[in-house]
Amino acid sequence: MEFSKTESVSGPTVSQPQTGCEGEDLFGDETGLEVKYKTLTWWQAGMIMIAETISLGILALPKVLATLGLLPGIALIVGVGVLTTYTGLVIGEFKCRYAQTHSMADAGSIMWGRIGCEILGAAQLIFFIFIMGSHILTFSIMVSVLSEYSGCTVLFSVAGGMLSFVFTIPRRLQSLSFLSSISFASVLGAVLASMVGASLRETRHIPTSSPPTFHDTMVAIANVVFAYAGHVSFFAFFSELRDVRDYSRALALLQLSEMTLYIATAVVIYVLVGKDVASPSLNSVGPLFKKISYGIAIPTIVIAGVVNAHVAVKSIYLRMFRGRNAMHSRSFSAISLWAAVSATLWFLAWVVAESIPVFNDILGLTSSLFASWFTFSLPGMFWLHLNVHGRPLGWKQTILIGFNCINVIIGIAICIFGVYSSIKSIQSNLSKGVVQRRFSCADNS
């Protein structure tokens, strides 16, 4: 089914004016309907974006500094933060121009027709499943640490998947806004606890730098990209804003929170622990603070995965019901279909988590394969689609064209070299015997 910008969707028209907007709003006029989706204020959207983005990625950043060195690592975190702020703004502009855009698949349809819709839709779904899998993996590690029991780790991952499924049942993002605030407080508390634990370590390591290999550099870059890789969900978040033009305020809340927390966490833990810092960084502290940190991190381990799962399920759900009022219904069939799609995706995520049981590897591979495109290359293409129409160009326009072309190239380069490095890392871990932990009860903590 193709969703182009000229497609007519049956049902009422958009309930709010959008200047210069083409296409019809996905949810239409929700007056009098049972389930209303366009209910988010800008700060609620910002908190949900924070919960989705600031989660597992932050735990890999101290390792990035250990790999690249203090100053190059900080420069990379800041540079990627600035670039992703810009590309996030571009996604918002694209949404304002084309009101019917709820997902990357819809954007692909607008730009390249059915082929673009299907390719980006599949890529987006696989990306979400990988992210969900990383949360299941982290949940199993967390239970192993807290319980000091690794009799059957695979059961811990099953429990994590089932718990996450339960929290994915609500169909409106507004239902997750309160949980998102808890998630942010959780990751902040976990990071602070790990900082305290790192400062109390009996041994100290002087941070030194040695030239990293190309492979190590690419894995580090991929992990930083993953830490900012919320862009794949931005269309969905902006679609449920009361006023879609508030996207810039929600994005500013996210990016300022990200950059501040990322730099502080990476620098403090790296300086305190040194080059042998682990990934996830919570494993770098003593046994007591390791337990405290993981205990505090439980909400973000679950909720951040649930936010990504919600967007993934809704992308399928809305495609089934697009243009029909059934998606606004509280009927048994509508709720059952949502639950069935959710259960299927969480099962696939569990398979991924058990297949790649190394935290750093699953982040690096996921980031390289998908986040590179959704965060850099595609927003660059979106800007070109919005602004280049064959008319004479001034010098400012020419510079912006060059800048967005560079964004496209950055994404492609991260994808190619990052995938190569991630595969090498996975092969190395397999040769070390990590393969024996797949779908097993072995300790993964």
Protein backbone atom coordinates (compact mmCIF):
# COMPACT_ATOMS: atom_id res chain seq x y z
CA MET A 1 0.00 0.00 0.00
CA GLU A 2 1.47 3.31 -1.07
CA PHE A 3 1.06 6.46 0.98
CA SER A 4 2.01 9.28 -1.30
CA LYS A 5 1.52 12.96 -0.60
CA THR A 6 -1.43 13.13 -2.98
CA GLU A 7 -3.29 10.14 -1.57
CA SER A 8 -6.76 10.79 -0.27
CA VAL A 9 -7.60 9.36 3.12
CA SER A 10 -11.22 8.88 4.00
CA GLY A 11 -12.43 10.59 7.11
CA PRO A 12 -12.55 14.12 8.55
CA THR A 13 -9.97 16.76 7.82
CA VAL A 14 -7.13 17.94 10.02
CA SER A 15 -8.28 19.51 13.25
CA GLN A 16 -5.69 22.26 13.40
CA PRO A 17 -4.31 24.65 10.79
CA GLN A 18 -0.79 24.07 9.52
CA THR A 19 0.53 26.87 7.36
CA GLY A 20 2.12 25.70 4.13
CA CYS A 21 1.28 22.08 4.91
CA GLU A 22 0.54 19.57 2.17
CA GLY A 23 -1.43 16.37 2.68
CA GLU A 24 -3.96 15.41 5.31
CA ASP A 25 -3.15 14.86 8.97
CA LEU A 26 -2.95 11.16 9.81
CA PHE A 27 -5.37 11.24 12.74
CA GLY A 28 -7.81 13.76 11.25
CA ASP A 29 -10.42 15.51 13.38
CA GLU A 30 -10.57 13.61 16.67
CA THR A 31 -13.54 15.46 18.12
CA GLY A 32 -15.91 13.01 19.78
CA LEU A 33 -13.73 9.95 19.13
CA GLU A 34 -13.00 7.38 21.85
CA VAL A 35 -9.21 7.34 21.54
CA LYS A 36 -7.56 10.69 20.85
CA TYR A 37 -3.89 10.70 19.85
CA LYS A 38 -2.99 14.37 19.32
CA THR A 39 -2.76 15.20 23.02
CA LEU A 40 0.94 15.88 23.74
CA THR A 41 2.24 19.23 24.95
CA TRP A 42 5.76 20.15 23.87
CA TRP A 43 7.29 19.22 27.22
CA GLN A 44 5.50 15.85 27.29
CA ALA A 45 6.85 15.12 23.82
CA GLY A 46 10.29 16.25 24.97
CA MET A 47 10.23 13.92 27.98
CA ILE A 48 9.17 10.97 25.82
CA MET A 49 11.98 11.78 23.39
CA ILE A 50 14.40 11.91 26.32
CA ALA A 51 13.18 8.53 27.60
CA GLU A 52 13.58 7.01 24.14
CA THR A 53 17.02 8.46 23.43
CA ILE A 54 18.86 8.86 26.76
CA SER A 55 19.02 5.28 27.91
CA LEU A 56 21.43 2.50 27.03
CA GLY A 57 23.59 4.58 24.71
CA ILE A 58 24.91 6.70 27.57
CA LEU A 59 26.40 3.60 29.21
CA ALA A 60 28.83 3.13 26.30
CA LEU A 61 30.20 6.71 26.19
CA PRO A 62 32.95 6.40 28.85
CA LYS A 63 34.34 3.53 26.77
CA VAL A 64 34.36 5.88 23.77
CA LEU A 65 36.69 8.27 25.62
CA ALA A 66 38.86 5.34 26.66
CA THR A 67 39.18 4.37 23.00
CA LEU A 68 39.66 7.78 21.37
CA GLY A 69 41.18 9.80 24.20
CA LEU A 70 39.62 12.53 26.32
CA LEU A 71 39.62 15.53 23.96
CA PRO A 72 38.84 13.65 20.70
CA GLY A 73 36.06 11.80 22.50
CA ILE A 74 34.50 15.00 23.84
CA ALA A 75 34.79 16.62 20.41
CA LEU A 76 32.99 13.64 18.86
CA ILE A 77 30.15 13.74 21.40
CA VAL A 78 29.67 17.50 20.94
CA GLY A 79 29.99 17.34 17.16
CA VAL A 80 27.45 14.57 16.77
CA GLY A 81 25.15 16.43 19.18
CA VAL A 82 25.22 19.58 17.06
CA LEU A 83 24.68 17.66 13.81
CA THR A 84 21.78 15.67 15.24
CA THR A 85 20.13 18.86 16.49
CA TYR A 86 20.18 20.19 12.94
CA THR A 87 18.91 16.96 11.38
CA GLY A 88 16.15 16.81 14.02
CA LEU A 89 15.00 20.28 12.97
CA VAL A 90 14.92 19.13 9.35
CA ILE A 91 12.67 16.20 10.27
CA GLY A 92 10.32 18.66 12.00
CA GLU A 93 10.23 20.89 8.93
CA PHE A 94 9.43 17.89 6.74
CA LYS A 95 6.57 16.95 9.07
CA CYS A 96 5.20 20.49 8.96
CA ARG A 97 5.27 20.44 5.15
CA TYR A 98 3.71 16.99 4.82
CA ALA A 99 1.15 16.48 7.58
CA GLN A 100 0.50 12.85 6.62
CA THR A 101 4.04 11.79 7.57
CA HIS A 102 3.94 9.58 10.66
CA SER A 103 6.99 7.41 10.00
CA MET A 104 10.12 7.09 7.90
CA ALA A 105 8.07 4.84 5.61
CA ASP A 106 5.66 7.70 4.91
CA ALA A 107 8.59 10.02 4.18
CA GLY A 108 10.03 7.42 1.82
CA SER A 109 6.69 7.21 0.04
CA ILE A 110 6.58 10.98 -0.46
CA MET A 111 10.07 11.04 -1.92
CA TRP A 112 10.36 7.74 -3.81
CA GLY A 113 6.90 6.20 -4.01
CA ARG A 114 6.04 2.65 -2.98
CA ILE A 115 9.63 1.39 -3.20
CA GLY A 116 10.80 4.06 -0.75
CA CYS A 117 7.87 3.31 1.54
CA GLU A 118 8.60 -0.41 1.72
CA ILE A 119 12.38 -0.10 2.10
CA LEU A 120 12.31 2.55 4.82
CA GLY A 121 9.38 0.87 6.54
CA ALA A 122 11.26 -2.43 6.76
CA ALA A 123 14.49 -0.74 7.88
CA GLN A 124 12.68 1.25 10.55
CA LEU A 125 10.97 -1.86 11.91
CA ILE A 126 14.20 -3.90 12.03
CA PHE A 127 15.95 -1.01 13.78
CA PHE A 128 13.28 -0.88 16.46
CA ILE A 129 13.51 -4.64 16.99
CA PHE A 130 17.28 -4.37 17.48
CA ILE A 131 16.83 -1.54 20.01
CA MET A 132 14.19 -3.55 21.85
CA GLY A 133 16.59 -6.49 21.84
CA SER A 134 19.32 -4.39 23.43
CA HIS A 135 16.95 -3.54 26.28
CA ILE A 136 16.06 -7.19 26.83
CA LEU A 137 19.78 -8.03 26.91
CA THR A 138 20.44 -5.27 29.45
CA PHE A 139 17.49 -6.44 31.55
CA SER A 140 18.96 -9.94 31.77
CA ILE A 141 22.36 -8.50 32.76
CA MET A 142 20.65 -6.38 35.41
CA VAL A 143 18.82 -9.34 36.96
CA SER A 144 22.02 -11.40 36.99
CA VAL A 145 23.85 -8.60 38.83
CA LEU A 146 21.10 -7.94 41.37
CA SER A 147 20.35 -11.58 42.13
CA GLU A 148 23.94 -12.84 41.93
CA TYR A 149 22.37 -15.87 40.28
CA SER A 150 23.03 -16.94 36.71
CA GLY A 151 21.42 -20.34 36.82
CA CYS A 152 19.38 -19.59 33.70
CA THR A 153 20.05 -16.20 32.16
CA VAL A 154 17.81 -16.92 29.18
CA LEU A 155 14.81 -16.95 31.55
CA PHE A 156 15.76 -13.46 32.75
CA SER A 157 15.59 -12.21 29.17
CA VAL A 158 12.20 -13.88 28.73
CA ALA A 159 10.94 -12.11 31.87
CA GLY A 160 12.27 -8.78 30.55
CA GLY A 161 10.44 -9.26 27.27
CA MET A 162 7.17 -10.15 28.97
CA LEU A 163 7.35 -7.17 31.36
CA SER A 164 8.08 -4.82 28.46
CA PHE A 165 5.13 -6.27 26.52
CA VAL A 166 2.76 -5.40 29.38
CA PHE A 167 3.88 -1.75 29.39
CA THR A 168 3.47 -1.54 25.60
CA ILE A 169 -0.29 -2.24 25.73
CA PRO A 170 -1.48 1.45 25.97
CA ARG A 171 -1.97 2.89 22.47
CA ARG A 172 -1.41 6.61 23.17
CA LEU A 173 1.99 8.21 23.68
CA GLN A 174 0.50 10.45 26.36
CA SER A 175 0.11 7.31 28.49
CA LEU A 176 3.91 7.04 28.48
CA SER A 177 4.68 10.68 29.33
CA PHE A 178 4.68 10.13 33.12
CA LEU A 179 6.68 6.92 32.76
CA SER A 180 9.14 8.81 30.57
CA SER A 181 9.85 11.26 33.38
CA ILE A 182 10.53 8.31 35.68
CA SER A 183 12.84 6.84 33.04
CA PHE A 184 14.87 10.05 32.82
CA ALA A 185 15.18 10.29 36.59
CA SER A 186 16.20 6.63 36.61
CA VAL A 187 19.06 6.94 34.13
CA LEU A 188 20.23 10.13 35.83
CA GLY A 189 20.25 8.42 39.23
CA ALA A 190 22.03 5.34 37.87
CA VAL A 191 24.75 7.47 36.30
CA LEU A 192 25.24 9.48 39.50
CA ALA A 193 25.47 6.26 41.54
CA SER A 194 28.05 4.85 39.16
CA MET A 195 30.06 8.08 39.43
CA VAL A 196 30.07 7.79 43.21
CA GLY A 197 31.03 4.14 42.95
CA ALA A 198 33.85 4.93 40.53
CA SER A 199 35.21 7.62 42.85
CA LEU A 200 35.40 5.09 45.71
CA ARG A 201 37.39 2.49 43.80
CA GLU A 202 40.50 1.43 45.67
CA THR A 203 42.66 1.45 42.57
CA ARG A 204 43.16 4.45 40.33
CA HIS A 205 44.12 4.53 36.69
CA ILE A 206 45.77 7.51 35.07
CA PRO A 207 43.96 8.21 31.79
CA THR A 208 46.43 7.71 28.97
CA SER A 209 45.85 7.65 25.26
CA SER A 210 47.24 5.31 22.65
CA PRO A 211 46.39 5.42 18.95
CA PRO A 212 43.19 3.44 18.46
CA THR A 213 42.84 1.05 15.55
CA PHE A 214 40.49 1.88 12.69
CA HIS A 215 38.17 -0.87 13.89
CA ASP A 216 38.04 0.50 17.44
CA THR A 217 37.49 4.04 16.17
CA MET A 218 34.52 3.04 14.04
CA VAL A 219 32.91 1.10 16.89
CA ALA A 220 33.35 4.17 19.14
CA ILE A 221 31.79 6.47 16.52
CA ALA A 222 28.90 4.05 16.06
CA ASN A 223 28.25 4.02 19.81
CA VAL A 224 28.10 7.83 19.94
CA VAL A 225 25.70 7.86 16.99
CA PHE A 226 23.54 5.30 18.79
CA ALA A 227 23.40 7.55 21.87
CA TYR A 228 21.75 10.26 19.72
CA ALA A 229 19.73 7.87 17.56
CA GLY A 230 16.19 8.94 18.43
CA HIS A 231 15.44 10.43 15.03
CA VAL A 232 13.75 7.31 13.71
CA SER A 233 10.81 8.04 16.07
CA PHE A 234 10.57 11.80 15.63
CA PHE A 235 7.81 11.72 13.01
CA ALA A 236 5.66 9.60 15.34
CA PHE A 237 6.27 11.91 18.31
CA PHE A 238 5.57 15.07 16.32
CA SER A 239 2.34 13.53 14.96
CA GLU A 240 0.84 13.38 18.45
CA LEU A 241 1.65 16.97 19.40
CA ARG A 242 -1.35 19.21 19.96
CA ASP A 243 0.42 21.71 17.69
CA VAL A 244 3.04 20.15 15.41
CA ARG A 245 4.88 23.49 15.25
CA ASP A 246 5.99 22.96 18.87
CA TYR A 247 8.46 20.31 17.66
CA SER A 248 11.42 22.69 17.93
CA ARG A 249 10.80 23.26 21.66
CA ALA A 250 10.55 19.52 22.32
CA LEU A 251 13.72 18.93 20.32
CA ALA A 252 15.61 21.65 22.22
CA LEU A 253 14.68 20.01 25.55
CA LEU A 254 15.98 16.69 24.27
CA GLN A 255 19.24 17.90 22.75
CA LEU A 256 20.26 20.13 25.67
CA SER A 257 19.59 17.27 28.10
CA GLU A 258 21.50 14.81 25.94
CA MET A 259 24.64 16.83 25.38
CA THR A 260 24.92 17.96 28.99
CA LEU A 261 24.41 14.50 30.49
CA TYR A 262 26.52 12.69 27.90
CA ILE A 263 29.59 14.88 28.34
CA ALA A 264 29.39 14.91 32.15
CA THR A 265 28.93 11.14 32.37
CA ALA A 266 31.60 10.20 29.86
CA VAL A 267 34.25 12.54 31.30
CA VAL A 268 33.68 11.82 35.00
CA ILE A 269 33.53 8.03 34.73
CA TYR A 270 36.45 7.86 32.28
CA VAL A 271 38.69 10.04 34.45
CA LEU A 272 37.81 8.06 37.57
CA VAL A 273 38.10 4.57 36.07
CA GLY A 274 40.61 4.95 33.25
CA LYS A 275 41.15 3.03 30.05
CA ASP A 276 39.82 -0.25 31.43
CA VAL A 277 36.31 1.23 31.78
CA ALA A 278 33.68 -1.31 30.78
CA SER A 279 30.73 -1.02 28.41
CA PRO A 280 28.11 -0.73 29.82
CA SER A 281 29.90 1.58 32.24
CA LEU A 282 27.83 0.38 35.22
CA ASN A 283 30.06 -2.71 35.21
CA SER A 284 33.11 -0.54 36.05
CA VAL A 285 32.24 0.09 39.69
CA GLY A 286 32.52 -2.12 42.78
CA PRO A 287 29.98 -4.87 43.53
CA LEU A 288 27.86 -2.78 45.90
CA PHE A 289 27.55 0.29 43.68
CA LYS A 290 27.14 -1.94 40.65
CA LYS A 291 24.01 -3.36 42.27
CA ILE A 292 22.82 0.09 43.34
CA SER A 293 23.33 1.50 39.85
CA TYR A 294 21.53 -1.35 38.11
CA GLY A 295 18.71 -1.21 40.65
CA ILE A 296 18.15 2.49 40.00
CA ALA A 297 18.39 1.88 36.24
CA ILE A 298 15.53 -0.64 36.15
CA PRO A 299 12.87 1.91 35.01
CA THR A 300 14.95 3.24 32.12
CA ILE A 301 16.01 -0.27 31.05
CA VAL A 302 12.34 -1.16 30.67
CA ILE A 303 10.64 2.12 29.74
CA ALA A 304 13.08 3.26 27.04
CA GLY A 305 12.61 -0.05 25.28
CA VAL A 306 8.85 0.28 25.65
CA VAL A 307 8.83 3.74 24.00
CA ASN A 308 10.66 2.35 20.96
CA ALA A 309 8.35 -0.66 20.91
CA HIS A 310 5.30 1.63 21.06
CA VAL A 311 6.41 3.52 17.95
CA ALA A 312 7.19 0.25 16.13
CA VAL A 313 3.81 -1.28 16.97
CA LYS A 314 1.95 1.90 16.04
CA SER A 315 3.67 2.09 12.64
CA ILE A 316 2.21 -1.33 11.79
CA TYR A 317 -1.10 -0.67 13.52
CA LEU A 318 -1.75 2.60 11.68
CA ARG A 319 -0.84 1.06 8.38
CA MET A 320 -3.55 -1.54 8.96
CA PHE A 321 -6.17 1.02 10.02
CA ARG A 322 -5.06 4.06 8.02
CA GLY A 323 -8.03 6.12 6.95
CA ARG A 324 -10.45 4.18 9.17
CA ASN A 325 -11.96 5.23 12.49
CA ALA A 326 -11.25 1.75 13.88
CA MET A 327 -7.88 3.00 15.14
CA HIS A 328 -9.78 5.37 17.44
CA SER A 329 -11.91 2.54 18.81
CA ARG A 330 -11.67 0.72 22.15
CA SER A 331 -13.21 -2.41 20.65
CA PHE A 332 -11.89 -5.86 21.54
CA SER A 333 -10.63 -6.45 18.00
CA ALA A 334 -8.68 -3.16 17.91
CA ILE A 335 -7.04 -3.79 21.29
CA SER A 336 -6.35 -7.45 20.46
CA LEU A 337 -4.65 -6.54 17.21
CA TRP A 338 -2.41 -4.03 18.99
CA ALA A 339 -1.49 -6.66 21.61
CA ALA A 340 -0.78 -9.29 18.94
CA VAL A 341 1.56 -7.02 16.99
CA SER A 342 3.29 -6.00 20.22
CA ALA A 343 3.82 -9.62 21.32
CA THR A 344 5.24 -10.55 17.93
CA LEU A 345 7.78 -7.72 17.91
CA TRP A 346 8.91 -8.43 21.48
CA PHE A 347 9.45 -12.09 20.59
CA LEU A 348 11.62 -11.10 17.63
CA ALA A 349 13.52 -8.68 19.88
CA TRP A 350 14.18 -11.53 22.33
CA VAL A 351 15.64 -13.61 19.49
CA VAL A 352 17.98 -10.74 18.60
CA ALA A 353 19.04 -10.29 22.23
CA GLU A 354 19.92 -13.97 22.55
CA SER A 355 21.69 -14.06 19.18
CA ILE A 356 24.08 -11.14 19.91
CA PRO A 357 24.69 -11.39 23.67
CA VAL A 358 27.39 -8.67 23.84
CA PHE A 359 26.21 -5.15 24.75
CA ASN A 360 28.82 -3.19 22.78
CA ASP A 361 28.38 -5.33 19.68
CA ILE A 362 24.60 -5.02 19.50
CA LEU A 363 24.83 -1.22 19.90
CA GLY A 364 27.55 -0.88 17.26
CA LEU A 365 25.82 -3.07 14.69
CA THR A 366 22.41 -1.44 15.22
CA SER A 367 23.86 2.06 14.99
CA SER A 368 25.91 1.36 11.87
CA LEU A 369 23.19 -0.43 9.94
CA PHE A 370 20.29 1.91 10.68
CA ALA A 371 20.97 4.92 12.91
CA SER A 372 23.52 6.25 10.41
CA TRP A 373 20.75 6.57 7.81
CA PHE A 374 17.91 7.77 10.04
CA THR A 375 20.09 10.30 11.87
CA PHE A 376 22.24 11.73 9.06
CA SER A 377 21.67 10.57 5.48
CA LEU A 378 17.88 10.65 5.30
CA PRO A 379 17.46 14.08 6.98
CA GLY A 380 20.00 15.41 4.48
CA MET A 381 17.86 14.02 1.67
CA PHE A 382 14.73 15.45 3.27
CA TRP A 383 16.25 18.95 3.26
CA LEU A 384 17.25 18.63 -0.40
CA HIS A 385 13.73 17.49 -1.25
CA LEU A 386 12.21 20.47 0.59
CA ASN A 387 14.53 23.17 -0.71
CA VAL A 388 16.06 22.25 -4.08
CA HIS A 389 13.65 22.68 -6.96
CA GLY A 390 15.85 23.67 -9.89
CA ARG A 391 15.55 27.42 -9.40
CA PRO A 392 18.64 29.71 -9.37
CA LEU A 393 20.55 29.32 -6.12
CA GLY A 394 22.20 32.00 -3.99
CA TRP A 395 25.47 31.48 -2.13
CA LYS A 396 23.70 30.67 1.17
CA GLN A 397 21.56 28.06 -0.53
CA THR A 398 24.63 26.56 -2.18
CA ILE A 399 26.41 26.25 1.19
CA LEU A 400 23.38 24.58 2.73
CA ILE A 401 23.17 22.15 -0.18
CA GLY A 402 26.82 21.24 0.34
CA PHE A 403 26.30 20.85 4.09
CA ASN A 404 23.35 18.50 3.65
CA CYS A 405 25.19 16.50 1.02
CA ILE A 406 27.98 16.08 3.60
CA ASN A 407 25.38 14.78 6.08
CA VAL A 408 24.31 12.19 3.51
CA ILE A 409 27.92 11.12 2.97
CA ILE A 410 28.59 10.94 6.74
CA GLY A 411 25.69 8.55 7.19
CA ILE A 412 26.80 6.33 4.32
CA ALA A 413 30.40 6.21 5.57
CA ILE A 414 29.32 5.31 9.13
CA CYS A 415 27.09 2.59 7.73
CA ILE A 416 29.77 0.95 5.55
CA PHE A 417 32.75 1.16 7.89
CA GLY A 418 30.71 0.71 11.07
CA VAL A 419 29.08 -2.50 9.87
CA TYR A 420 32.49 -3.86 8.88
CA SER A 421 33.97 -3.05 12.30
CA SER A 422 30.94 -4.39 14.19
CA ILE A 423 31.08 -7.68 12.31
CA LYS A 424 34.78 -7.97 13.10
CA SER A 425 34.03 -7.36 16.77
CA ILE A 426 31.28 -9.99 16.80
CA GLN A 427 33.59 -12.50 15.08
CA SER A 428 36.31 -11.75 17.64
CA ASN A 429 33.92 -12.35 20.53
CA LEU A 430 32.70 -15.56 18.95
CA SER A 431 36.26 -16.80 18.69
CA LYS A 432 36.70 -16.04 22.41
CA GLY A 433 33.82 -18.34 23.29
CA VAL A 434 31.01 -15.79 23.62
CA VAL A 435 29.07 -17.91 21.11
CA GLN A 436 28.49 -20.42 23.89
CA ARG A 437 26.31 -17.87 25.70
CA ARG A 438 23.73 -17.62 22.94
CA PHE A 439 20.32 -18.99 24.01
CA SER A 440 21.96 -20.38 27.12
CA CYS A 441 21.92 -20.02 30.87
CA ALA A 442 25.54 -18.82 31.03
CA ASP A 443 26.42 -15.71 33.06
CA ASN A 444 26.30 -12.53 30.93
CA SER A 445 26.85 -10.00 33.72
